[in-house]
Amino acid sequence: MLNIKNNYLIKLLMSTFIAKVFVSFGGILLSFVISRLYGVDVLGDFFIFQISVITISVILSLGMNETIVLFVSKYIKEVDISLYLKYSIILSGLLFLLFSLITSLLNINFLPSSYKVIASNKYLFLISIYSCLINTLLSGFMRGVKKPAYSVLLENGVVAIISIIIIALNSLLTNNSDINIAYMYCYSSAIVTLFCLYKFKTKFSSTLRKPNKDEIRSFFRKNWSFYSMVLCGLVSTSFISLYLGYKLDSEDVALFRVMQQVCTLISFSLIILNAVMPAYISGLFTENSLKKIENISIKTSIYATLLSLPIYLVCIIFPAEIFSYFNINANSLSLIILASAQLFNVSTGSVASVLKMCGLERELNYIIISTSFISLSVLVILTPIYGVLGAVIASSCILIIQNFLSLILVKLKLGISTVFYIWRSPREV
C-alpha cells in the first residue's frame, strides 16, 4: 500500500481512473459511430478538424495550462488562485482575437482537399478553438487544485460524449444521413465551456490576497519553460496526424488516430498518474522529500504497468479484429509497434512530472526538443516510403527515446529512480 496519505491519494487515483475510462471509451465510441454511420472519409475529416482545433488552442495557451498547475498547487493557501486562471484567459483571449483577425482576412482555400472541412466552416472552426482554449486552461487549473478527474473530463472527454448525443438526435429526429461534423464539434465544445465556467464562478471564489507583481511576473516567465514542452508534445499527438492529412489523405489520418485512441487505453493509467501526481510531487519537493518521491513513483509505475498489460496483449494478439470494428483495413504491424512503445511509456511512470516539479524543466525541455526533431526527421523521411507505418515509427521514437533520456536525467540530477527496473538509491532524504 502507498505509505503517503493513503486514503486521499487512492481516492484521487480512483476518481481519475473512472473519469479516464469514461473519456477513453467515449472517444473510441465516437470514432466507431462516425466510421459506421458516415464512413472512414468522414471520420478522417472529423479528426483533421478536431486535431487542428486542439493544436491551435494549445499553441495559443502559451503553456499556461501547465504553469497554472505549478503555481496553483504552490500558492493555493496563500493567494487567490483563481486570478492565475483569469490572467491566463485574458492573455490567451487577446492572442485568439489576433489569430481570428488574421484568419478572417486570410483566404484558407489553399489548404489541401483533406482539409476542406476547415475551409468550408471557418467561423465554426474559430468558435471551437476558443472553447477548446478555455477548456485547456480550466483543465490545468483543476489539476492544480487536485481535482484531476474534472481535468481529465475537460480534455475533450465530455465533448466526445456530447457529440455522440448530437449524432443520435440527428439520426432520430431527421432523415438526413449526413452530418456537419464542424457544427457537431462546435456545439459540443461550447456546451462544455459554458458549463465549466459557470461551475468555476460559483465554486472558486476566494478572500485571500491577490498575487503580487513579482509573483505575476514569475508566472508569465515560467510559461516559456513549459511552452516548448507543450509545443514539442504536440509532435506526437497532433503534428504527425496533420502531416498525414497534408501528405496523404483523410483515410490515413483516420487509421493513425484510431490506433492512437486504441493505444490510449494502454496508457490511460499513466495519464491518470500525470493528472494526479504533479501537485503532489511539487509539495514533496518543497519539503525536500526526494526519498518519498522515489517510493511513490516506483510503486505507481508498477501498478500502472500491471493495469496496462491486459489491454496491450489484446492489441498485439487481435489487431486485425480491432481494425475491423472501424471499417479499416490496415497492416497489423503498425498497431503492434505503437502499442509496444506505449507500454514502455507507461512503465516509465511519472518521470516527466518529477522533472517538471523538481526544477528540471529546462533540462526536460532539451530532451523534448531533441527527440521531437528526431521524430519529425523520421516522419518526413519514412512517411513518403511507408505511409502510415512511417508515422507510427516516428511517434514511437518520441515515446521511447524521450522517456529513456528522462529516466537517466532523474537518476543523474536527483539521485533517485522513478521506475522499478532502474537501481534505486539507498540513501534516505
Protein backbone atom coordinates (compact mmCIF):
# COMPACT_ATOMS: atom_id res chain seq x y z
CA MET A 1 0.00 0.00 0.00
CA LEU A 2 1.08 3.58 -0.56
CA ASN A 3 2.55 4.99 2.64
CA ILE A 4 1.51 8.60 1.97
CA LYS A 5 -1.90 9.86 2.93
CA ASN A 6 -3.27 6.60 1.58
CA ASN A 7 -6.97 7.30 1.57
CA TYR A 8 -6.72 10.72 -0.06
CA LEU A 9 -4.32 9.68 -2.83
CA ILE A 10 -6.16 6.45 -3.56
CA LYS A 11 -9.43 8.37 -3.77
CA LEU A 12 -7.85 10.76 -6.27
CA LEU A 13 -6.45 7.90 -8.32
CA MET A 14 -9.76 6.00 -8.36
CA SER A 15 -11.89 9.01 -9.31
CA THR A 16 -9.43 9.93 -12.07
CA PHE A 17 -9.34 6.30 -13.22
CA ILE A 18 -13.12 6.25 -13.60
CA ALA A 19 -13.09 9.58 -15.44
CA LYS A 20 -10.32 8.43 -17.79
CA VAL A 21 -12.06 5.16 -18.61
CA PHE A 22 -15.22 7.15 -19.36
CA VAL A 23 -13.29 9.57 -21.57
CA SER A 24 -11.25 6.92 -23.41
CA PHE A 25 -14.22 4.76 -24.28
CA GLY A 26 -16.21 7.88 -25.17
CA GLY A 27 -13.60 8.90 -27.73
CA ILE A 28 -13.35 5.42 -29.20
CA LEU A 29 -17.14 5.06 -29.28
CA LEU A 30 -17.43 8.35 -31.16
CA SER A 31 -14.90 7.13 -33.74
CA PHE A 32 -16.81 3.85 -34.04
CA VAL A 33 -20.16 5.62 -34.53
CA ILE A 34 -18.83 8.05 -37.15
CA SER A 35 -17.00 5.35 -39.12
CA ARG A 36 -20.04 3.04 -39.09
CA LEU A 37 -22.67 5.67 -39.94
CA TYR A 38 -20.78 8.02 -42.22
CA GLY A 39 -17.66 6.17 -43.41
CA VAL A 40 -13.92 6.35 -42.87
CA ASP A 41 -13.60 9.52 -45.01
CA VAL A 42 -15.90 11.47 -42.67
CA LEU A 43 -14.04 10.05 -39.68
CA GLY A 44 -10.80 11.35 -41.18
CA ASP A 45 -12.37 14.79 -41.77
CA PHE A 46 -13.53 14.84 -38.15
CA PHE A 47 -10.06 14.01 -36.88
CA ILE A 48 -8.46 16.72 -39.02
CA PHE A 49 -10.96 19.30 -37.70
CA GLN A 50 -10.53 18.15 -34.10
CA ILE A 51 -6.73 17.94 -34.21
CA SER A 52 -6.44 21.36 -35.86
CA VAL A 53 -8.66 22.90 -33.18
CA ILE A 54 -6.72 21.29 -30.33
CA THR A 55 -3.33 22.15 -31.83
CA ILE A 56 -4.11 25.84 -32.32
CA SER A 57 -5.75 26.16 -28.90
CA VAL A 58 -2.70 24.64 -27.21
CA ILE A 59 -0.39 26.96 -29.15
CA LEU A 60 -2.45 30.00 -28.10
CA SER A 61 -2.41 28.88 -24.46
CA LEU A 62 1.36 29.64 -24.34
CA GLY A 63 1.90 26.71 -21.96
CA MET A 64 -0.14 28.47 -19.26
CA ASN A 65 -2.19 25.33 -18.66
CA GLU A 66 0.97 23.67 -17.31
CA THR A 67 2.17 26.76 -15.42
CA ILE A 68 -1.20 27.03 -13.69
CA VAL A 69 -0.71 23.55 -12.23
CA LEU A 70 2.58 24.58 -10.62
CA PHE A 71 1.50 27.98 -9.26
CA VAL A 72 -1.99 26.98 -8.12
CA SER A 73 -0.69 23.94 -6.21
CA LYS A 74 2.15 26.02 -4.72
CA TYR A 75 0.12 29.07 -3.59
CA ILE A 76 -3.31 27.51 -3.01
CA LYS A 77 -3.28 28.50 0.70
CA GLU A 78 -1.66 31.92 0.24
CA VAL A 79 -3.27 33.82 -2.65
CA ASP A 80 -6.46 34.00 -4.69
CA ILE A 81 -5.50 31.25 -7.14
CA SER A 82 -8.49 31.95 -9.39
CA LEU A 83 -6.67 35.07 -10.60
CA TYR A 84 -3.99 32.93 -12.26
CA LEU A 85 -6.70 31.37 -14.40
CA LYS A 86 -8.29 34.75 -15.13
CA TYR A 87 -4.95 36.27 -16.19
CA SER A 88 -4.34 33.27 -18.46
CA ILE A 89 -7.78 33.55 -20.07
CA ILE A 90 -7.27 37.28 -20.72
CA LEU A 91 -3.84 36.87 -22.32
CA SER A 92 -4.78 33.83 -24.41
CA GLY A 93 -8.04 35.58 -25.37
CA LEU A 94 -6.09 38.50 -26.80
CA LEU A 95 -3.94 36.10 -28.80
CA PHE A 96 -7.09 34.38 -30.03
CA LEU A 97 -8.54 37.71 -31.23
CA LEU A 98 -5.34 38.38 -33.16
CA PHE A 99 -5.43 34.88 -34.67
CA SER A 100 -9.11 35.29 -35.58
CA LEU A 101 -8.45 38.60 -37.30
CA ILE A 102 -5.63 37.13 -39.37
CA THR A 103 -7.68 34.03 -40.22
CA SER A 104 -10.73 36.07 -41.21
CA LEU A 105 -8.64 38.17 -43.58
CA LEU A 106 -6.77 35.17 -44.96
CA ASN A 107 -8.16 33.03 -47.73
CA ILE A 108 -7.55 29.49 -46.48
CA ASN A 109 -8.83 27.77 -49.62
CA PHE A 110 -5.20 26.99 -50.44
CA LEU A 111 -5.38 24.09 -47.97
CA PRO A 112 -5.25 20.56 -49.46
CA SER A 113 -8.50 18.74 -50.17
CA SER A 114 -8.29 16.71 -46.96
CA TYR A 115 -8.60 20.00 -45.03
CA LYS A 116 -11.75 21.14 -46.85
CA VAL A 117 -13.80 20.66 -43.67
CA ILE A 118 -11.90 23.62 -42.14
CA ALA A 119 -12.05 25.86 -45.20
CA SER A 120 -15.82 25.41 -45.53
CA ASN A 121 -16.51 26.00 -41.80
CA LYS A 122 -14.12 28.84 -40.94
CA TYR A 123 -16.20 30.56 -38.25
CA LEU A 124 -17.26 27.32 -36.57
CA PHE A 125 -13.58 26.47 -36.56
CA LEU A 126 -12.76 29.69 -34.70
CA ILE A 127 -15.52 29.21 -32.12
CA SER A 128 -14.31 25.67 -31.50
CA ILE A 129 -10.75 26.91 -30.98
CA TYR A 130 -11.80 29.42 -28.35
CA SER A 131 -13.91 26.86 -26.49
CA CYS A 132 -11.05 24.36 -26.54
CA LEU A 133 -8.62 27.07 -25.38
CA ILE A 134 -10.74 27.84 -22.31
CA ASN A 135 -11.16 24.13 -21.59
CA THR A 136 -7.38 23.64 -21.79
CA LEU A 137 -6.73 26.36 -19.21
CA LEU A 138 -9.53 25.12 -16.95
CA SER A 139 -8.08 21.63 -17.14
CA GLY A 140 -4.73 22.90 -15.85
CA PHE A 141 -6.45 24.76 -13.02
CA MET A 142 -8.34 21.63 -11.97
CA ARG A 143 -5.10 19.66 -11.79
CA GLY A 144 -3.59 22.40 -9.63
CA VAL A 145 -6.45 22.28 -7.10
CA LYS A 146 -6.14 18.49 -7.00
CA LYS A 147 -9.32 17.71 -8.92
CA PRO A 148 -7.72 15.59 -11.66
CA ALA A 149 -10.94 13.77 -12.57
CA TYR A 150 -12.51 17.07 -13.67
CA SER A 151 -9.30 17.86 -15.57
CA VAL A 152 -9.47 14.60 -17.49
CA LEU A 153 -13.11 15.19 -18.42
CA LEU A 154 -12.30 18.67 -19.71
CA GLU A 155 -9.63 17.37 -22.07
CA ASN A 156 -12.09 16.54 -24.87
CA GLY A 157 -13.69 13.71 -22.91
CA VAL A 158 -17.12 15.19 -22.34
CA VAL A 159 -17.00 16.74 -25.82
CA ALA A 160 -16.94 13.25 -27.33
CA ILE A 161 -19.95 12.12 -25.28
CA ILE A 162 -21.98 15.20 -26.23
CA SER A 163 -21.02 14.66 -29.87
CA ILE A 164 -22.44 11.13 -29.71
CA ILE A 165 -25.69 12.53 -28.29
CA ILE A 166 -25.88 15.06 -31.14
CA ILE A 167 -25.35 12.29 -33.70
CA ALA A 168 -28.08 10.21 -32.06
CA LEU A 169 -30.51 13.14 -32.10
CA ASN A 170 -29.65 13.86 -35.72
CA SER A 171 -30.41 10.25 -36.65
CA LEU A 172 -33.65 10.10 -34.66
CA LEU A 173 -35.13 13.50 -35.49
CA THR A 174 -34.13 13.86 -39.15
CA ASN A 175 -33.99 11.67 -42.19
CA ASN A 176 -30.63 13.14 -43.16
CA SER A 177 -27.93 10.50 -43.47
CA ASP A 178 -25.18 13.15 -43.33
CA ILE A 179 -23.97 15.37 -40.52
CA ASN A 180 -21.86 18.52 -40.42
CA ILE A 181 -19.07 17.46 -38.09
CA ALA A 182 -17.96 21.08 -37.65
CA TYR A 183 -21.35 22.02 -36.16
CA MET A 184 -21.28 18.91 -34.01
CA TYR A 185 -17.84 19.61 -32.55
CA CYS A 186 -18.50 23.34 -32.15
CA TYR A 187 -21.74 22.83 -30.21
CA SER A 188 -20.21 20.14 -28.01
CA SER A 189 -17.17 22.25 -27.10
CA ALA A 190 -19.24 25.34 -26.39
CA ILE A 191 -21.63 23.46 -24.08
CA VAL A 192 -18.72 22.09 -22.02
CA THR A 193 -17.04 25.50 -21.82
CA LEU A 194 -20.15 27.38 -20.66
CA PHE A 195 -20.98 24.76 -18.04
CA CYS A 196 -17.43 24.68 -16.64
CA LEU A 197 -17.13 28.48 -16.50
CA TYR A 198 -20.40 28.59 -14.57
CA LYS A 199 -19.13 25.99 -12.09
CA PHE A 200 -15.81 27.81 -11.73
CA LYS A 201 -17.55 31.11 -10.97
CA THR A 202 -19.76 29.57 -8.28
CA LYS A 203 -17.18 27.34 -6.55
CA PHE A 204 -13.81 29.09 -6.70
CA SER A 205 -14.28 32.48 -5.08
CA SER A 206 -11.59 33.47 -2.56
CA THR A 207 -10.93 36.05 0.16
CA LEU A 208 -7.15 35.57 0.09
CA ARG A 209 -4.78 38.27 -1.15
CA LYS A 210 -4.07 38.90 -4.82
CA PRO A 211 -0.75 37.70 -6.27
CA ASN A 212 1.85 40.48 -6.07
CA LYS A 213 3.69 41.85 -9.10
CA ASP A 214 6.73 39.61 -8.60
CA GLU A 215 4.53 36.50 -8.41
CA ILE A 216 2.65 37.52 -11.56
CA ARG A 217 5.89 38.21 -13.44
CA SER A 218 7.26 34.86 -12.28
CA PHE A 219 4.08 33.16 -13.50
CA PHE A 220 4.37 34.54 -17.03
CA ARG A 221 8.14 33.98 -17.19
CA LYS A 222 7.66 30.36 -16.21
CA ASN A 223 5.28 29.89 -19.15
CA TRP A 224 8.12 29.84 -21.64
CA SER A 225 9.81 26.90 -19.95
CA PHE A 226 6.62 24.87 -20.22
CA TYR A 227 5.67 26.24 -23.64
CA SER A 228 8.44 24.48 -25.54
CA MET A 229 7.46 21.23 -23.78
CA VAL A 230 3.84 21.70 -24.81
CA LEU A 231 4.74 22.53 -28.42
CA CYS A 232 7.06 19.57 -28.75
CA GLY A 233 4.43 17.37 -27.10
CA LEU A 234 2.15 18.25 -30.00
CA VAL A 235 4.53 16.44 -32.34
CA SER A 236 3.37 13.03 -31.12
CA THR A 237 -0.27 13.98 -30.53
CA SER A 238 -1.10 16.32 -33.41
CA PHE A 239 1.60 17.32 -35.88
CA ILE A 240 2.07 13.78 -37.19
CA SER A 241 -1.66 13.44 -37.91
CA LEU A 242 -1.79 16.86 -39.57
CA TYR A 243 1.20 15.95 -41.73
CA LEU A 244 -0.53 12.74 -42.78
CA GLY A 245 -3.59 14.76 -43.78
CA TYR A 246 -1.41 17.12 -45.78
CA LYS A 247 0.80 14.48 -47.40
CA LEU A 248 -1.66 11.59 -47.78
CA ASP A 249 -5.45 11.69 -47.25
CA SER A 250 -8.17 11.69 -44.60
CA GLU A 251 -8.41 7.88 -44.54
CA ASP A 252 -4.78 7.66 -43.44
CA VAL A 253 -5.46 10.22 -40.72
CA ALA A 254 -8.42 8.12 -39.57
CA LEU A 255 -6.25 4.99 -39.42
CA PHE A 256 -3.47 6.68 -37.46
CA ARG A 257 -5.83 8.37 -35.00
CA VAL A 258 -7.79 5.18 -34.38
CA MET A 259 -4.51 3.45 -33.50
CA GLN A 260 -3.63 6.33 -31.18
CA GLN A 261 -7.02 6.11 -29.49
CA VAL A 262 -6.74 2.35 -29.01
CA CYS A 263 -3.23 2.75 -27.59
CA THR A 264 -4.52 5.46 -25.26
CA LEU A 265 -6.33 2.64 -23.48
CA ILE A 266 -2.88 1.19 -22.77
CA SER A 267 -1.57 4.49 -21.43
CA PHE A 268 -4.67 5.67 -19.56
CA SER A 269 -3.14 4.57 -16.25
CA LEU A 270 -0.17 6.84 -16.98
CA ILE A 271 -2.47 9.69 -17.93
CA ILE A 272 -4.18 9.26 -14.56
CA LEU A 273 -0.81 9.47 -12.81
CA ASN A 274 0.13 12.59 -14.74
CA ALA A 275 -3.14 14.21 -13.73
CA VAL A 276 -2.76 13.34 -10.03
CA MET A 277 0.99 13.38 -9.33
CA PRO A 278 2.33 16.85 -10.35
CA ALA A 279 0.70 18.77 -7.50
CA TYR A 280 1.65 16.01 -5.05
CA ILE A 281 5.29 15.82 -6.23
CA SER A 282 5.57 19.61 -6.05
CA GLY A 283 4.58 19.51 -2.38
CA LEU A 284 7.06 16.72 -1.57
CA PHE A 285 9.89 18.51 -3.36
CA THR A 286 9.15 21.68 -1.36
CA GLU A 287 9.66 19.53 1.77
CA ASN A 288 12.90 18.11 0.24
CA SER A 289 11.45 14.59 0.45
CA LEU A 290 13.19 13.00 -2.52
CA LYS A 291 13.00 9.54 -0.99
CA LYS A 292 9.22 9.81 -0.79
CA ILE A 293 9.11 10.93 -4.41
CA GLU A 294 11.16 7.87 -5.37
CA ASN A 295 8.96 5.47 -3.41
CA ILE A 296 5.66 6.75 -4.75
CA SER A 297 7.00 6.97 -8.33
CA ILE A 298 8.25 3.37 -8.35
CA LYS A 299 5.09 1.93 -6.78
CA THR A 300 2.73 3.83 -9.09
CA SER A 301 4.77 2.86 -12.18
CA ILE A 302 4.41 -0.82 -11.21
CA TYR A 303 0.65 -0.51 -10.73
CA ALA A 304 0.29 1.43 -13.99
CA THR A 305 2.20 -1.21 -15.96
CA LEU A 306 0.18 -4.08 -14.49
CA LEU A 307 -3.08 -2.29 -15.36
CA SER A 308 -1.91 -1.72 -18.93
CA LEU A 309 -0.70 -5.25 -19.70
CA PRO A 310 -4.09 -6.86 -20.48
CA ILE A 311 -5.01 -4.12 -22.98
CA TYR A 312 -1.56 -4.36 -24.56
CA LEU A 313 -1.95 -8.10 -25.05
CA VAL A 314 -5.32 -7.60 -26.75
CA CYS A 315 -3.74 -5.07 -29.13
CA ILE A 316 -0.88 -7.34 -30.21
CA ILE A 317 -2.96 -10.54 -30.44
CA PHE A 318 -6.09 -9.18 -32.16
CA PRO A 319 -5.01 -6.14 -34.23
CA ALA A 320 -6.98 -7.11 -37.34
CA GLU A 321 -10.17 -7.60 -35.33
CA ILE A 322 -9.76 -4.17 -33.75
CA PHE A 323 -9.41 -2.51 -37.16
CA SER A 324 -12.48 -4.31 -38.49
CA TYR A 325 -14.73 -2.59 -35.93
CA PHE A 326 -13.88 0.74 -37.57
CA ASN A 327 -14.24 -0.49 -41.19
CA ILE A 328 -10.47 -0.13 -41.64
CA ASN A 329 -8.13 -2.48 -43.49
CA ALA A 330 -4.57 -1.92 -42.31
CA ASN A 331 -1.23 -3.55 -41.57
CA SER A 332 -1.35 -5.07 -38.09
CA LEU A 333 2.36 -4.33 -37.59
CA SER A 334 1.59 -0.61 -37.14
CA LEU A 335 -0.64 -1.23 -34.13
CA ILE A 336 1.81 -3.69 -32.58
CA ILE A 337 4.70 -1.20 -32.82
CA LEU A 338 2.70 1.71 -31.40
CA ALA A 339 1.23 -0.44 -28.60
CA SER A 340 4.70 -1.64 -27.57
CA ALA A 341 6.02 1.92 -27.47
CA GLN A 342 3.06 2.95 -25.31
CA LEU A 343 3.69 0.10 -22.88
CA PHE A 344 7.29 1.29 -22.43
CA ASN A 345 5.94 4.81 -21.93
CA VAL A 346 3.64 3.56 -19.16
CA SER A 347 6.42 1.59 -17.48
CA THR A 348 8.45 4.79 -17.00
CA GLY A 349 5.69 6.17 -14.77
CA SER A 350 5.53 9.84 -13.84
CA VAL A 351 9.15 10.61 -14.76
CA ALA A 352 8.23 13.76 -16.70
CA SER A 353 6.17 15.07 -13.79
CA VAL A 354 9.12 14.52 -11.45
CA LEU A 355 11.41 16.53 -13.72
CA LYS A 356 8.90 19.37 -14.16
CA MET A 357 8.02 19.68 -10.49
CA CYS A 358 11.60 19.32 -9.20
CA GLY A 359 13.06 22.29 -11.06
CA LEU A 360 14.47 20.38 -14.03
CA GLU A 361 12.02 21.63 -16.65
CA ARG A 362 14.84 23.29 -18.64
CA GLU A 363 16.72 20.01 -18.98
CA LEU A 364 13.46 18.25 -19.83
CA ASN A 365 12.94 20.91 -22.50
CA TYR A 366 16.22 19.97 -24.14
CA ILE A 367 15.22 16.31 -24.20
CA ILE A 368 11.77 17.03 -25.63
CA ILE A 369 13.09 19.39 -28.31
CA SER A 370 15.82 16.99 -29.45
CA THR A 371 13.54 13.94 -29.56
CA SER A 372 10.86 15.94 -31.39
CA PHE A 373 13.42 16.94 -34.01
CA ILE A 374 14.45 13.30 -34.42
CA SER A 375 10.82 12.22 -34.72
CA LEU A 376 9.97 14.86 -37.32
CA SER A 377 13.02 13.86 -39.34
CA VAL A 378 11.93 10.21 -39.24
CA LEU A 379 8.39 11.27 -40.20
CA VAL A 380 9.49 13.26 -43.25
CA ILE A 381 11.84 10.51 -44.42
CA LEU A 382 9.70 7.41 -43.84
CA THR A 383 6.13 8.58 -44.50
CA PRO A 384 6.56 9.01 -48.30
CA ILE A 385 8.01 5.49 -48.39
CA TYR A 386 5.93 3.52 -45.88
CA GLY A 387 2.85 5.71 -45.41
CA VAL A 388 1.14 5.36 -42.04
CA LEU A 389 3.76 2.85 -40.83
CA GLY A 390 6.38 5.59 -41.16
CA ALA A 391 4.25 7.88 -38.98
CA VAL A 392 3.88 5.10 -36.39
CA ILE A 393 7.66 4.65 -36.25
CA ALA A 394 8.12 8.42 -35.84
CA SER A 395 5.59 8.54 -33.00
CA SER A 396 7.20 5.53 -31.30
CA CYS A 397 10.63 7.20 -31.47
CA ILE A 398 9.35 10.06 -29.32
CA LEU A 399 7.91 7.77 -26.66
CA ILE A 400 10.96 5.54 -26.37
CA ILE A 401 13.87 7.99 -26.68
CA GLN A 402 12.28 10.77 -24.64
CA ASN A 403 11.37 8.54 -21.70
CA PHE A 404 14.71 6.73 -21.73
CA LEU A 405 16.67 10.00 -21.56
CA SER A 406 14.31 11.34 -18.86
CA LEU A 407 14.98 8.31 -16.68
CA ILE A 408 18.72 8.87 -16.98
CA LEU A 409 18.33 12.58 -16.17
CA VAL A 410 16.34 11.88 -12.98
CA LYS A 411 18.99 9.43 -11.85
CA LEU A 412 21.90 11.80 -12.58
CA LYS A 413 20.38 15.04 -11.24
CA LEU A 414 18.24 13.88 -8.32
CA GLY A 415 19.97 10.63 -7.43
CA ILE A 416 16.69 8.70 -7.38
CA SER A 417 14.84 6.28 -9.62
CA THR A 418 11.23 6.57 -10.71
CA VAL A 419 10.83 3.06 -12.15
CA PHE A 420 11.15 -0.46 -10.85
CA TYR A 421 13.78 -1.59 -13.37
CA ILE A 422 16.46 1.04 -12.57
CA TRP A 423 18.61 0.63 -9.46
CA ARG A 424 17.22 2.60 -6.54
CA SER A 425 19.29 4.91 -4.39
CA PRO A 426 19.84 3.53 -0.85
CA ARG A 427 20.09 6.98 0.71
CA GLU A 428 17.41 8.45 2.91
CA VAL A 429 16.41 12.05 2.27
